[in-house]
Amino acid sequence: MSDIKESDWKVLRKIHKEALERFCKQTLSEVKRTNSDSTKSYHQRYLDLWAILRRRDEEMAQAFDDLRRSKAILQIAVIKRLGLFTENEFSQFSQETRDQVNLILLA
């Protein structure tokens, strides 16, 4: 994977924090729903929460940790797969970057 274009790198750096906030909001909503499911025992809820947090921590690492130009295209693809970009945000990337991301998501 090649380095990202400078203009796309600037877009990613600009919207990275907001996408991370959306991720955290989604995760906390999922945790809240799971924790409030009174049809399950406390133990089962605890196990479910642990599984959610392990999965989401892995997703967070793939999408947001160690932001570097050499990894940016893959991170954009993960962020897009997680539904964390608005249409407007994703459209700010160059056509070349959007095409690369879409190819990754098709694989």
N, C-alpha and C. Protein backbone atom coordinates (compact mmCIF):
# COMPACT_ATOMS: atom_id res chain seq x y z
N MET A 1 0.86 -1.18 0.00
CA MET A 1 0.00 0.00 0.00
C MET A 1 0.90 1.24 0.00
N SER A 2 0.64 2.15 -0.91
CA SER A 2 1.46 3.35 -1.01
C SER A 2 0.98 4.42 -0.04
N ASP A 3 1.84 5.39 0.18
CA ASP A 3 1.47 6.51 1.03
C ASP A 3 0.31 7.28 0.42
N ILE A 4 -0.44 7.90 1.25
CA ILE A 4 -1.59 8.67 0.85
C ILE A 4 -1.15 10.04 0.32
N LYS A 5 -1.94 10.59 -0.58
CA LYS A 5 -1.65 11.93 -1.10
C LYS A 5 -1.74 12.95 0.04
N GLU A 6 -0.96 14.00 -0.07
CA GLU A 6 -0.92 15.04 0.97
C GLU A 6 -2.31 15.62 1.24
N SER A 7 -3.06 15.90 0.19
CA SER A 7 -4.38 16.49 0.37
C SER A 7 -5.32 15.54 1.12
N ASP A 8 -5.24 14.25 0.83
CA ASP A 8 -6.07 13.27 1.53
C ASP A 8 -5.61 13.06 2.97
N TRP A 9 -4.30 13.14 3.18
CA TRP A 9 -3.75 13.04 4.53
C TRP A 9 -4.30 14.17 5.41
N LYS A 10 -4.37 15.36 4.83
CA LYS A 10 -4.90 16.51 5.58
C LYS A 10 -6.38 16.31 5.90
N VAL A 11 -7.14 15.75 4.97
CA VAL A 11 -8.56 15.47 5.21
C VAL A 11 -8.69 14.46 6.35
N LEU A 12 -7.92 13.38 6.28
CA LEU A 12 -8.00 12.36 7.33
C LEU A 12 -7.66 12.95 8.69
N ARG A 13 -6.60 13.71 8.76
CA ARG A 13 -6.22 14.29 10.05
C ARG A 13 -7.29 15.24 10.58
N LYS A 14 -7.99 15.90 9.66
CA LYS A 14 -9.04 16.83 10.06
C LYS A 14 -10.26 16.10 10.64
N ILE A 15 -10.64 14.96 10.06
CA ILE A 15 -11.88 14.30 10.48
C ILE A 15 -11.64 13.08 11.37
N HIS A 16 -10.40 12.75 11.62
CA HIS A 16 -10.03 11.59 12.44
C HIS A 16 -10.66 11.65 13.83
N LYS A 17 -10.55 12.77 14.50
CA LYS A 17 -11.05 12.91 15.87
C LYS A 17 -12.57 12.74 15.94
N GLU A 18 -13.27 13.31 14.98
CA GLU A 18 -14.74 13.20 14.96
C GLU A 18 -15.16 11.75 14.71
N ALA A 19 -14.46 11.07 13.82
CA ALA A 19 -14.78 9.66 13.56
C ALA A 19 -14.52 8.82 14.81
N LEU A 20 -13.46 9.13 15.54
CA LEU A 20 -13.17 8.42 16.79
C LEU A 20 -14.27 8.67 17.82
N GLU A 21 -14.75 9.89 17.89
CA GLU A 21 -15.86 10.20 18.81
C GLU A 21 -17.11 9.41 18.44
N ARG A 22 -17.40 9.30 17.15
CA ARG A 22 -18.56 8.51 16.70
C ARG A 22 -18.39 7.05 17.09
N PHE A 23 -17.18 6.53 16.92
CA PHE A 23 -16.89 5.15 17.29
C PHE A 23 -17.16 4.93 18.78
N CYS A 24 -16.64 5.81 19.59
CA CYS A 24 -16.82 5.68 21.04
C CYS A 24 -18.30 5.80 21.41
N LYS A 25 -19.01 6.70 20.78
CA LYS A 25 -20.45 6.85 21.05
C LYS A 25 -21.19 5.57 20.70
N GLN A 26 -20.89 4.99 19.54
CA GLN A 26 -21.53 3.73 19.14
C GLN A 26 -21.22 2.62 20.13
N THR A 27 -19.96 2.54 20.54
CA THR A 27 -19.54 1.50 21.47
C THR A 27 -20.26 1.65 22.81
N LEU A 28 -20.30 2.86 23.31
CA LEU A 28 -20.97 3.09 24.60
C LEU A 28 -22.47 2.83 24.51
N SER A 29 -23.07 3.11 23.38
CA SER A 29 -24.49 2.79 23.19
C SER A 29 -24.71 1.29 23.19
N GLU A 30 -23.81 0.56 22.54
CA GLU A 30 -23.89 -0.90 22.51
C GLU A 30 -23.72 -1.47 23.93
N VAL A 31 -22.79 -0.92 24.67
CA VAL A 31 -22.56 -1.34 26.05
C VAL A 31 -23.81 -1.06 26.89
N LYS A 32 -24.37 0.10 26.71
CA LYS A 32 -25.57 0.46 27.49
C LYS A 32 -26.73 -0.50 27.19
N ARG A 33 -26.96 -0.79 25.91
CA ARG A 33 -28.03 -1.72 25.54
C ARG A 33 -27.79 -3.10 26.15
N THR A 34 -26.56 -3.55 26.07
CA THR A 34 -26.23 -4.88 26.60
C THR A 34 -26.38 -4.92 28.12
N ASN A 35 -25.92 -3.89 28.78
CA ASN A 35 -25.99 -3.84 30.23
C ASN A 35 -27.41 -3.74 30.75
N SER A 36 -28.29 -3.15 29.97
CA SER A 36 -29.66 -2.96 30.43
C SER A 36 -30.60 -4.10 30.01
N ASP A 37 -30.07 -5.15 29.41
CA ASP A 37 -30.88 -6.28 28.98
C ASP A 37 -31.21 -7.17 30.18
N SER A 38 -32.32 -6.88 30.80
CA SER A 38 -32.69 -7.59 32.04
C SER A 38 -33.16 -9.02 31.79
N THR A 39 -33.24 -9.44 30.53
CA THR A 39 -33.59 -10.84 30.26
C THR A 39 -32.40 -11.77 30.48
N LYS A 40 -31.21 -11.18 30.63
CA LYS A 40 -30.00 -11.96 30.83
C LYS A 40 -29.51 -11.79 32.26
N SER A 41 -28.80 -12.79 32.74
CA SER A 41 -28.23 -12.71 34.08
C SER A 41 -27.10 -11.67 34.10
N TYR A 42 -26.75 -11.22 35.28
CA TYR A 42 -25.63 -10.29 35.40
C TYR A 42 -24.35 -10.91 34.86
N HIS A 43 -24.18 -12.19 35.15
CA HIS A 43 -22.98 -12.86 34.65
C HIS A 43 -22.95 -12.88 33.12
N GLN A 44 -24.07 -13.20 32.49
CA GLN A 44 -24.11 -13.22 31.03
C GLN A 44 -23.89 -11.83 30.45
N ARG A 45 -24.46 -10.83 31.08
CA ARG A 45 -24.24 -9.46 30.63
C ARG A 45 -22.76 -9.08 30.73
N TYR A 46 -22.14 -9.48 31.83
CA TYR A 46 -20.72 -9.22 32.01
C TYR A 46 -19.92 -9.89 30.89
N LEU A 47 -20.21 -11.14 30.59
CA LEU A 47 -19.51 -11.84 29.51
C LEU A 47 -19.75 -11.17 28.16
N ASP A 48 -20.98 -10.76 27.93
CA ASP A 48 -21.31 -10.07 26.68
C ASP A 48 -20.56 -8.74 26.57
N LEU A 49 -20.50 -8.01 27.67
CA LEU A 49 -19.78 -6.73 27.68
C LEU A 49 -18.29 -6.94 27.42
N TRP A 50 -17.74 -7.94 28.03
CA TRP A 50 -16.33 -8.25 27.82
C TRP A 50 -16.06 -8.55 26.34
N ALA A 51 -16.93 -9.32 25.72
CA ALA A 51 -16.78 -9.66 24.30
C ALA A 51 -16.90 -8.41 23.43
N ILE A 52 -17.85 -7.57 23.75
CA ILE A 52 -18.02 -6.32 22.99
C ILE A 52 -16.76 -5.47 23.08
N LEU A 53 -16.27 -5.29 24.28
CA LEU A 53 -15.11 -4.42 24.48
C LEU A 53 -13.85 -4.99 23.83
N ARG A 54 -13.68 -6.30 23.84
CA ARG A 54 -12.53 -6.89 23.14
C ARG A 54 -12.63 -6.65 21.64
N ARG A 55 -13.83 -6.89 21.07
CA ARG A 55 -14.03 -6.70 19.62
C ARG A 55 -13.86 -5.24 19.24
N ARG A 56 -14.47 -4.37 20.02
CA ARG A 56 -14.42 -2.95 19.69
C ARG A 56 -13.01 -2.38 19.88
N ASP A 57 -12.28 -2.90 20.86
CA ASP A 57 -10.91 -2.45 21.07
C ASP A 57 -10.05 -2.81 19.86
N GLU A 58 -10.26 -3.98 19.31
CA GLU A 58 -9.52 -4.39 18.11
C GLU A 58 -9.88 -3.50 16.92
N GLU A 59 -11.17 -3.22 16.77
CA GLU A 59 -11.60 -2.32 15.69
C GLU A 59 -11.01 -0.92 15.87
N MET A 60 -11.01 -0.44 17.11
CA MET A 60 -10.46 0.89 17.38
C MET A 60 -8.98 0.94 17.02
N ALA A 61 -8.26 -0.08 17.38
CA ALA A 61 -6.83 -0.13 17.07
C ALA A 61 -6.60 -0.10 15.57
N GLN A 62 -7.36 -0.89 14.82
CA GLN A 62 -7.20 -0.94 13.36
C GLN A 62 -7.51 0.41 12.73
N ALA A 63 -8.53 1.07 13.23
CA ALA A 63 -9.00 2.31 12.62
C ALA A 63 -8.23 3.55 13.06
N PHE A 64 -7.79 3.56 14.31
CA PHE A 64 -7.32 4.84 14.86
C PHE A 64 -5.91 4.86 15.44
N ASP A 65 -5.35 3.72 15.80
CA ASP A 65 -4.03 3.71 16.44
C ASP A 65 -2.93 3.96 15.42
N ASP A 66 -1.88 4.63 15.89
CA ASP A 66 -0.66 4.81 15.11
C ASP A 66 -0.93 5.40 13.73
N LEU A 67 -1.60 6.53 13.71
CA LEU A 67 -1.96 7.19 12.45
C LEU A 67 -0.69 7.62 11.71
N ARG A 68 -0.47 6.97 10.57
CA ARG A 68 0.69 7.27 9.72
C ARG A 68 0.24 7.26 8.26
N ARG A 69 0.94 8.01 7.47
CA ARG A 69 0.59 8.07 6.05
C ARG A 69 0.67 6.71 5.39
N SER A 70 1.62 5.89 5.80
CA SER A 70 1.79 4.58 5.17
C SER A 70 0.64 3.64 5.47
N LYS A 71 -0.12 3.89 6.52
CA LYS A 71 -1.25 3.05 6.90
C LYS A 71 -2.60 3.72 6.63
N ALA A 72 -2.59 4.93 6.15
CA ALA A 72 -3.80 5.75 6.09
C ALA A 72 -4.90 5.15 5.22
N ILE A 73 -4.57 4.62 4.06
CA ILE A 73 -5.61 4.07 3.18
C ILE A 73 -6.34 2.93 3.88
N LEU A 74 -5.57 2.04 4.52
CA LEU A 74 -6.20 0.93 5.24
C LEU A 74 -7.06 1.43 6.40
N GLN A 75 -6.57 2.45 7.10
CA GLN A 75 -7.36 2.99 8.21
C GLN A 75 -8.63 3.67 7.71
N ILE A 76 -8.54 4.36 6.60
CA ILE A 76 -9.74 4.96 6.01
C ILE A 76 -10.74 3.87 5.66
N ALA A 77 -10.25 2.77 5.12
CA ALA A 77 -11.14 1.65 4.76
C ALA A 77 -11.83 1.08 6.00
N VAL A 78 -11.09 0.93 7.08
CA VAL A 78 -11.69 0.41 8.31
C VAL A 78 -12.72 1.39 8.85
N ILE A 79 -12.38 2.66 8.87
CA ILE A 79 -13.31 3.68 9.36
C ILE A 79 -14.58 3.69 8.51
N LYS A 80 -14.43 3.56 7.20
CA LYS A 80 -15.60 3.52 6.32
C LYS A 80 -16.42 2.25 6.56
N ARG A 81 -15.74 1.10 6.70
CA ARG A 81 -16.45 -0.16 6.95
C ARG A 81 -17.25 -0.08 8.25
N LEU A 82 -16.75 0.63 9.22
CA LEU A 82 -17.45 0.80 10.49
C LEU A 82 -18.57 1.84 10.42
N GLY A 83 -18.70 2.50 9.28
CA GLY A 83 -19.77 3.49 9.10
C GLY A 83 -19.54 4.78 9.86
N LEU A 84 -18.29 5.18 9.99
CA LEU A 84 -17.96 6.33 10.82
C LEU A 84 -17.73 7.62 10.05
N PHE A 85 -17.76 7.55 8.73
CA PHE A 85 -17.68 8.76 7.90
C PHE A 85 -19.08 9.16 7.46
N THR A 86 -19.34 10.45 7.43
CA THR A 86 -20.54 10.93 6.75
C THR A 86 -20.24 10.88 5.25
N GLU A 87 -21.28 10.94 4.44
CA GLU A 87 -21.06 10.96 2.99
C GLU A 87 -20.20 12.15 2.60
N ASN A 88 -20.47 13.29 3.22
CA ASN A 88 -19.71 14.50 2.92
C ASN A 88 -18.24 14.33 3.29
N GLU A 89 -17.96 13.74 4.42
CA GLU A 89 -16.57 13.53 4.83
C GLU A 89 -15.84 12.62 3.84
N PHE A 90 -16.45 11.50 3.50
CA PHE A 90 -15.79 10.57 2.58
C PHE A 90 -15.59 11.20 1.21
N SER A 91 -16.52 12.03 0.79
CA SER A 91 -16.40 12.67 -0.53
C SER A 91 -15.27 13.69 -0.59
N GLN A 92 -14.73 14.09 0.56
CA GLN A 92 -13.61 15.04 0.58
C GLN A 92 -12.29 14.39 0.14
N PHE A 93 -12.22 13.06 0.19
CA PHE A 93 -11.02 12.38 -0.27
C PHE A 93 -11.00 12.38 -1.80
N SER A 94 -9.81 12.30 -2.35
CA SER A 94 -9.69 12.27 -3.81
C SER A 94 -10.36 11.02 -4.37
N GLN A 95 -10.69 11.07 -5.65
CA GLN A 95 -11.29 9.91 -6.30
C GLN A 95 -10.36 8.71 -6.23
N GLU A 96 -9.08 8.95 -6.36
CA GLU A 96 -8.09 7.88 -6.29
C GLU A 96 -8.15 7.17 -4.93
N THR A 97 -8.20 7.93 -3.87
CA THR A 97 -8.26 7.34 -2.53
C THR A 97 -9.59 6.62 -2.32
N ARG A 98 -10.68 7.23 -2.75
CA ARG A 98 -11.99 6.58 -2.60
C ARG A 98 -12.01 5.26 -3.37
N ASP A 99 -11.43 5.25 -4.57
CA ASP A 99 -11.38 4.01 -5.35
C ASP A 99 -10.55 2.94 -4.64
N GLN A 100 -9.39 3.32 -4.10
CA GLN A 100 -8.57 2.35 -3.37
C GLN A 100 -9.31 1.79 -2.17
N VAL A 101 -9.97 2.65 -1.43
CA VAL A 101 -10.73 2.22 -0.25
C VAL A 101 -11.85 1.26 -0.67
N ASN A 102 -12.57 1.61 -1.71
CA ASN A 102 -13.66 0.75 -2.16
C ASN A 102 -13.17 -0.60 -2.64
N LEU A 103 -12.00 -0.65 -3.27
CA LEU A 103 -11.42 -1.93 -3.68
C LEU A 103 -11.07 -2.78 -2.45
N ILE A 104 -10.52 -2.16 -1.44
CA ILE A 104 -10.19 -2.88 -0.20
C ILE A 104 -11.46 -3.44 0.41
N LEU A 105 -12.52 -2.65 0.41
CA LEU A 105 -13.77 -3.09 1.05
C LEU A 105 -14.47 -4.20 0.25
N LEU A 106 -14.18 -4.30 -1.04
CA LEU A 106 -14.76 -5.35 -1.85
C LEU A 106 -14.05 -6.69 -1.67
N ALA A 107 -12.80 -6.61 -1.22
CA ALA A 107 -12.00 -7.84 -1.07
C ALA A 107 -12.47 -8.71 0.05
